Amino acid sequence: MPIYLPSPKHDPLGVDGKGWNRIAIHGMCNDECALRPKSITAFLDSLDTRRVRYGMYDACINRGDCNSCSLPTRKIDWPYQNNKMLIRVTIQGEPRLMNKPDDCLDSSGTPVKWEDILIVNGCDFVRYSDEYSDGIMMFRIGL
């Protein structure tokens, strides 16, 4: 399962193989890590890293050396009091952890990173959507 996603190589011949015939603006392309998702879609793909593709993840923090990196082995046990937690996605795409899913948007939720949700042991994730926002329901398993 791929975790390390190298940045695409620059080809001076362009996508058509005949050279660049238009203005091309290239930003800084960093290698990425599939365990550092930036969106809800990337998070769901990270659960099965065979589906990951370059462009949806944060930068690799260990220069591609996955064997000495702490991210693949970093895990925590279920730290929450409830057996289910809702992760709502704001309009800006940021995840918010809601410990009272039935409150809808009455509570603002706790800001959290996708990579911090990914390391929780003993849980299952189900895509969730209602009239307020998109999100993921996180269920505790193995009680």
C-alpha atoms as a PDB file:
ATOM      1  CA  MET A   1       0.000   0.000   0.000  1.00  0.00           C
ATOM      2  CA  PRO A   2       1.602   3.295  -1.037  1.00  0.00           C
ATOM      3  CA  ILE A   3       2.086   5.887   1.665  1.00  0.00           C
ATOM      4  CA  TYR A   4       4.877   7.960   0.129  1.00  0.00           C
ATOM      5  CA  LEU A   5       3.691   9.959  -2.885  1.00  0.00           C
ATOM      6  CA  PRO A   6       6.586  11.510  -4.845  1.00  0.00           C
ATOM      7  CA  SER A   7       5.922  14.773  -6.605  1.00  0.00           C
ATOM      8  CA  PRO A   8       5.428  14.588 -10.363  1.00  0.00           C
ATOM      9  CA  LYS A   9       8.551  15.230 -12.400  1.00  0.00           C
ATOM     10  CA  HIS A  10       8.712  18.282 -14.618  1.00  0.00           C
ATOM     11  CA  ASP A  11       8.750  17.460 -18.320  1.00  0.00           C
ATOM     12  CA  PRO A  12      10.055  20.367 -20.435  1.00  0.00           C
ATOM     13  CA  LEU A  13       8.352  18.871 -23.506  1.00  0.00           C
ATOM     14  CA  GLY A  14       4.952  19.480 -21.928  1.00  0.00           C
ATOM     15  CA  VAL A  15       1.910  17.294 -21.795  1.00  0.00           C
ATOM     16  CA  ASP A  16       1.661  16.930 -25.572  1.00  0.00           C
ATOM     17  CA  GLY A  17       5.341  15.998 -26.011  1.00  0.00           C
ATOM     18  CA  LYS A  18       5.998  18.887 -28.413  1.00  0.00           C
ATOM     19  CA  GLY A  19       7.067  21.517 -25.936  1.00  0.00           C
ATOM     20  CA  TRP A  20       5.219  24.161 -24.013  1.00  0.00           C
ATOM     21  CA  ASN A  21       3.252  26.355 -26.376  1.00  0.00           C
ATOM     22  CA  ARG A  22       1.448  28.359 -23.732  1.00  0.00           C
ATOM     23  CA  ILE A  23       2.257  29.960 -20.403  1.00  0.00           C
ATOM     24  CA  ALA A  24       2.802  27.333 -17.741  1.00  0.00           C
ATOM     25  CA  ILE A  25       3.000  28.303 -14.080  1.00  0.00           C
ATOM     26  CA  HIS A  26       4.472  25.618 -11.882  1.00  0.00           C
ATOM     27  CA  GLY A  27       4.313  25.888  -8.139  1.00  0.00           C
ATOM     28  CA  MET A  28       6.541  24.182  -5.659  1.00  0.00           C
ATOM     29  CA  CYS A  29       5.677  20.497  -5.692  1.00  0.00           C
ATOM     30  CA  ASN A  30       6.546  18.635  -2.508  1.00  0.00           C
ATOM     31  CA  ASP A  31       6.479  14.919  -1.978  1.00  0.00           C
ATOM     32  CA  GLU A  32       3.354  13.969  -0.045  1.00  0.00           C
ATOM     33  CA  CYS A  33       2.365  11.495   2.655  1.00  0.00           C
ATOM     34  CA  ALA A  34      -0.922   9.569   2.392  1.00  0.00           C
ATOM     35  CA  LEU A  35      -1.215   9.639   6.192  1.00  0.00           C
ATOM     36  CA  ARG A  36      -1.609  13.438   6.151  1.00  0.00           C
ATOM     37  CA  PRO A  37      -4.920  14.061   4.308  1.00  0.00           C
ATOM     38  CA  LYS A  38      -6.119  17.618   3.627  1.00  0.00           C
ATOM     39  CA  SER A  39      -9.777  16.918   2.813  1.00  0.00           C
ATOM     40  CA  ILE A  40     -12.629  14.564   3.609  1.00  0.00           C
ATOM     41  CA  THR A  41     -12.103  12.735   0.308  1.00  0.00           C
ATOM     42  CA  ALA A  42      -8.396  12.301   0.986  1.00  0.00           C
ATOM     43  CA  PHE A  43      -9.213  11.089   4.507  1.00  0.00           C
ATOM     44  CA  LEU A  44     -11.510   8.373   3.188  1.00  0.00           C
ATOM     45  CA  ASP A  45      -8.879   7.348   0.637  1.00  0.00           C
ATOM     46  CA  SER A  46      -6.276   7.173   3.423  1.00  0.00           C
ATOM     47  CA  LEU A  47      -8.285   4.420   5.100  1.00  0.00           C
ATOM     48  CA  ASP A  48      -7.303   2.222   2.141  1.00  0.00           C
ATOM     49  CA  THR A  49      -4.082   3.668   0.752  1.00  0.00           C
ATOM     50  CA  ARG A  50      -4.360   1.735  -2.519  1.00  0.00           C
ATOM     51  CA  ARG A  51      -6.684   4.554  -3.663  1.00  0.00           C
ATOM     52  CA  VAL A  52      -4.424   7.515  -2.841  1.00  0.00           C
ATOM     53  CA  ARG A  53      -3.212   9.869  -5.567  1.00  0.00           C
ATOM     54  CA  TYR A  54      -0.807  12.782  -5.511  1.00  0.00           C
ATOM     55  CA  GLY A  55      -2.258  16.232  -4.808  1.00  0.00           C
ATOM     56  CA  MET A  56      -4.592  15.715  -1.853  1.00  0.00           C
ATOM     57  CA  TYR A  57      -2.150  15.332   1.047  1.00  0.00           C
ATOM     58  CA  ASP A  58       0.266  17.404   3.117  1.00  0.00           C
ATOM     59  CA  ALA A  59       4.000  17.272   2.584  1.00  0.00           C
ATOM     60  CA  CYS A  60       6.093  14.276   3.591  1.00  0.00           C
ATOM     61  CA  ILE A  61       7.943  15.118   6.820  1.00  0.00           C
ATOM     62  CA  ASN A  62      10.644  12.453   6.509  1.00  0.00           C
ATOM     63  CA  ARG A  63      11.911  12.816   2.906  1.00  0.00           C
ATOM     64  CA  GLY A  64      10.320   9.566   1.778  1.00  0.00           C
ATOM     65  CA  ASP A  65      11.927   7.355   4.437  1.00  0.00           C
ATOM     66  CA  CYS A  66       8.756   5.629   5.684  1.00  0.00           C
ATOM     67  CA  ASN A  67      10.720   3.013   7.676  1.00  0.00           C
ATOM     68  CA  SER A  68      12.071   5.571  10.151  1.00  0.00           C
ATOM     69  CA  CYS A  69       8.949   7.782  10.205  1.00  0.00           C
ATOM     70  CA  SER A  70       6.698   7.890  13.277  1.00  0.00           C
ATOM     71  CA  LEU A  71       3.425   8.475  11.378  1.00  0.00           C
ATOM     72  CA  PRO A  72       2.729   4.857  10.271  1.00  0.00           C
ATOM     73  CA  THR A  73       3.152   3.518  13.815  1.00  0.00           C
ATOM     74  CA  ARG A  74       1.508   6.375  15.741  1.00  0.00           C
ATOM     75  CA  LYS A  75      -1.785   5.131  17.206  1.00  0.00           C
ATOM     76  CA  ILE A  76      -3.964   6.096  20.172  1.00  0.00           C
ATOM     77  CA  ASP A  77      -6.833   4.241  21.839  1.00  0.00           C
ATOM     78  CA  TRP A  78     -10.377   5.640  21.710  1.00  0.00           C
ATOM     79  CA  PRO A  79     -10.028   8.847  23.777  1.00  0.00           C
ATOM     80  CA  TYR A  80     -13.689   9.891  23.781  1.00  0.00           C
ATOM     81  CA  GLN A  81     -16.470   9.272  26.323  1.00  0.00           C
ATOM     82  CA  ASN A  82     -19.189   8.660  23.731  1.00  0.00           C
ATOM     83  CA  ASN A  83     -19.331   5.567  21.533  1.00  0.00           C
ATOM     84  CA  LYS A  84     -19.938   7.663  18.428  1.00  0.00           C
ATOM     85  CA  MET A  85     -18.500  10.967  17.333  1.00  0.00           C
ATOM     86  CA  LEU A  86     -19.422  13.174  14.406  1.00  0.00           C
ATOM     87  CA  ILE A  87     -16.763  14.931  12.389  1.00  0.00           C
ATOM     88  CA  ARG A  88     -18.402  17.820  10.567  1.00  0.00           C
ATOM     89  CA  VAL A  89     -16.685  19.599   7.707  1.00  0.00           C
ATOM     90  CA  THR A  90     -16.920  23.396   7.669  1.00  0.00           C
ATOM     91  CA  ILE A  91     -17.449  25.441   4.527  1.00  0.00           C
ATOM     92  CA  GLN A  92     -13.662  25.948   4.423  1.00  0.00           C
ATOM     93  CA  GLY A  93     -13.152  22.156   4.463  1.00  0.00           C
ATOM     94  CA  GLU A  94     -11.842  22.003   8.038  1.00  0.00           C
ATOM     95  CA  PRO A  95     -12.907  19.081  10.255  1.00  0.00           C
ATOM     96  CA  ARG A  96     -14.672  19.797  13.551  1.00  0.00           C
ATOM     97  CA  LEU A  97     -15.148  17.071  16.142  1.00  0.00           C
ATOM     98  CA  MET A  98     -18.690  17.147  17.581  1.00  0.00           C
ATOM     99  CA  ASN A  99     -19.315  15.077  20.699  1.00  0.00           C
ATOM    100  CA  LYS A 100     -23.065  15.749  20.497  1.00  0.00           C
ATOM    101  CA  PRO A 101     -24.033  14.859  16.916  1.00  0.00           C
ATOM    102  CA  ASP A 102     -27.693  15.637  17.551  1.00  0.00           C
ATOM    103  CA  ASP A 103     -26.935  19.315  18.299  1.00  0.00           C
ATOM    104  CA  CYS A 104     -26.513  19.992  14.581  1.00  0.00           C
ATOM    105  CA  LEU A 105     -24.631  23.261  14.336  1.00  0.00           C
ATOM    106  CA  ASP A 106     -25.580  24.598  17.788  1.00  0.00           C
ATOM    107  CA  SER A 107     -22.118  23.798  19.096  1.00  0.00           C
ATOM    108  CA  SER A 108     -19.035  24.881  17.198  1.00  0.00           C
ATOM    109  CA  GLY A 109     -17.092  21.667  17.729  1.00  0.00           C
ATOM    110  CA  THR A 110     -13.410  21.190  18.378  1.00  0.00           C
ATOM    111  CA  PRO A 111     -11.020  21.902  15.501  1.00  0.00           C
ATOM    112  CA  VAL A 112      -9.027  18.789  14.665  1.00  0.00           C
ATOM    113  CA  LYS A 113      -6.666  17.637  11.913  1.00  0.00           C
ATOM    114  CA  TRP A 114      -7.569  14.782   9.589  1.00  0.00           C
ATOM    115  CA  GLU A 115      -4.291  13.047  10.422  1.00  0.00           C
ATOM    116  CA  ASP A 116      -5.166  13.075  14.155  1.00  0.00           C
ATOM    117  CA  ILE A 117      -8.457  11.296  13.468  1.00  0.00           C
ATOM    118  CA  LEU A 118      -6.681   8.738  11.311  1.00  0.00           C
ATOM    119  CA  ILE A 119      -4.551   7.470  14.219  1.00  0.00           C
ATOM    120  CA  VAL A 120      -7.454   6.487  16.516  1.00  0.00           C
ATOM    121  CA  ASN A 121      -7.570   2.727  17.149  1.00  0.00           C
ATOM    122  CA  GLY A 122     -10.815   0.800  17.551  1.00  0.00           C
ATOM    123  CA  CYS A 123     -13.141   2.789  15.343  1.00  0.00           C
ATOM    124  CA  ASP A 124     -15.001   2.585  12.077  1.00  0.00           C
ATOM    125  CA  PHE A 125     -15.863   5.492   9.774  1.00  0.00           C
ATOM    126  CA  VAL A 126     -19.062   6.048   7.812  1.00  0.00           C
ATOM    127  CA  ARG A 127     -19.713   8.961   5.456  1.00  0.00           C
ATOM    128  CA  TYR A 128     -22.402  11.246   6.883  1.00  0.00           C
ATOM    129  CA  SER A 129     -24.397  14.076   5.410  1.00  0.00           C
ATOM    130  CA  ASP A 130     -27.387  16.103   6.543  1.00  0.00           C
ATOM    131  CA  GLU A 131     -28.930  19.482   5.809  1.00  0.00           C
ATOM    132  CA  TYR A 132     -26.235  21.260   7.839  1.00  0.00           C
ATOM    133  CA  SER A 133     -22.978  19.874   6.509  1.00  0.00           C
ATOM    134  CA  ASP A 134     -21.031  16.952   5.174  1.00  0.00           C
ATOM    135  CA  GLY A 135     -19.041  14.793   7.543  1.00  0.00           C
ATOM    136  CA  ILE A 136     -17.986  11.437   8.876  1.00  0.00           C
ATOM    137  CA  MET A 137     -19.526   9.462  11.716  1.00  0.00           C
ATOM    138  CA  MET A 138     -16.906   7.704  13.806  1.00  0.00           C
ATOM    139  CA  PHE A 139     -18.120   4.607  15.688  1.00  0.00           C
ATOM    140  CA  ARG A 140     -16.270   2.823  18.466  1.00  0.00           C
ATOM    141  CA  ILE A 141     -15.860  -0.892  17.749  1.00  0.00           C
ATOM    142  CA  GLY A 142     -14.673  -3.798  19.869  1.00  0.00           C
ATOM    143  CA  LEU A 143     -16.298  -2.731  23.138  1.00  0.00           C
END
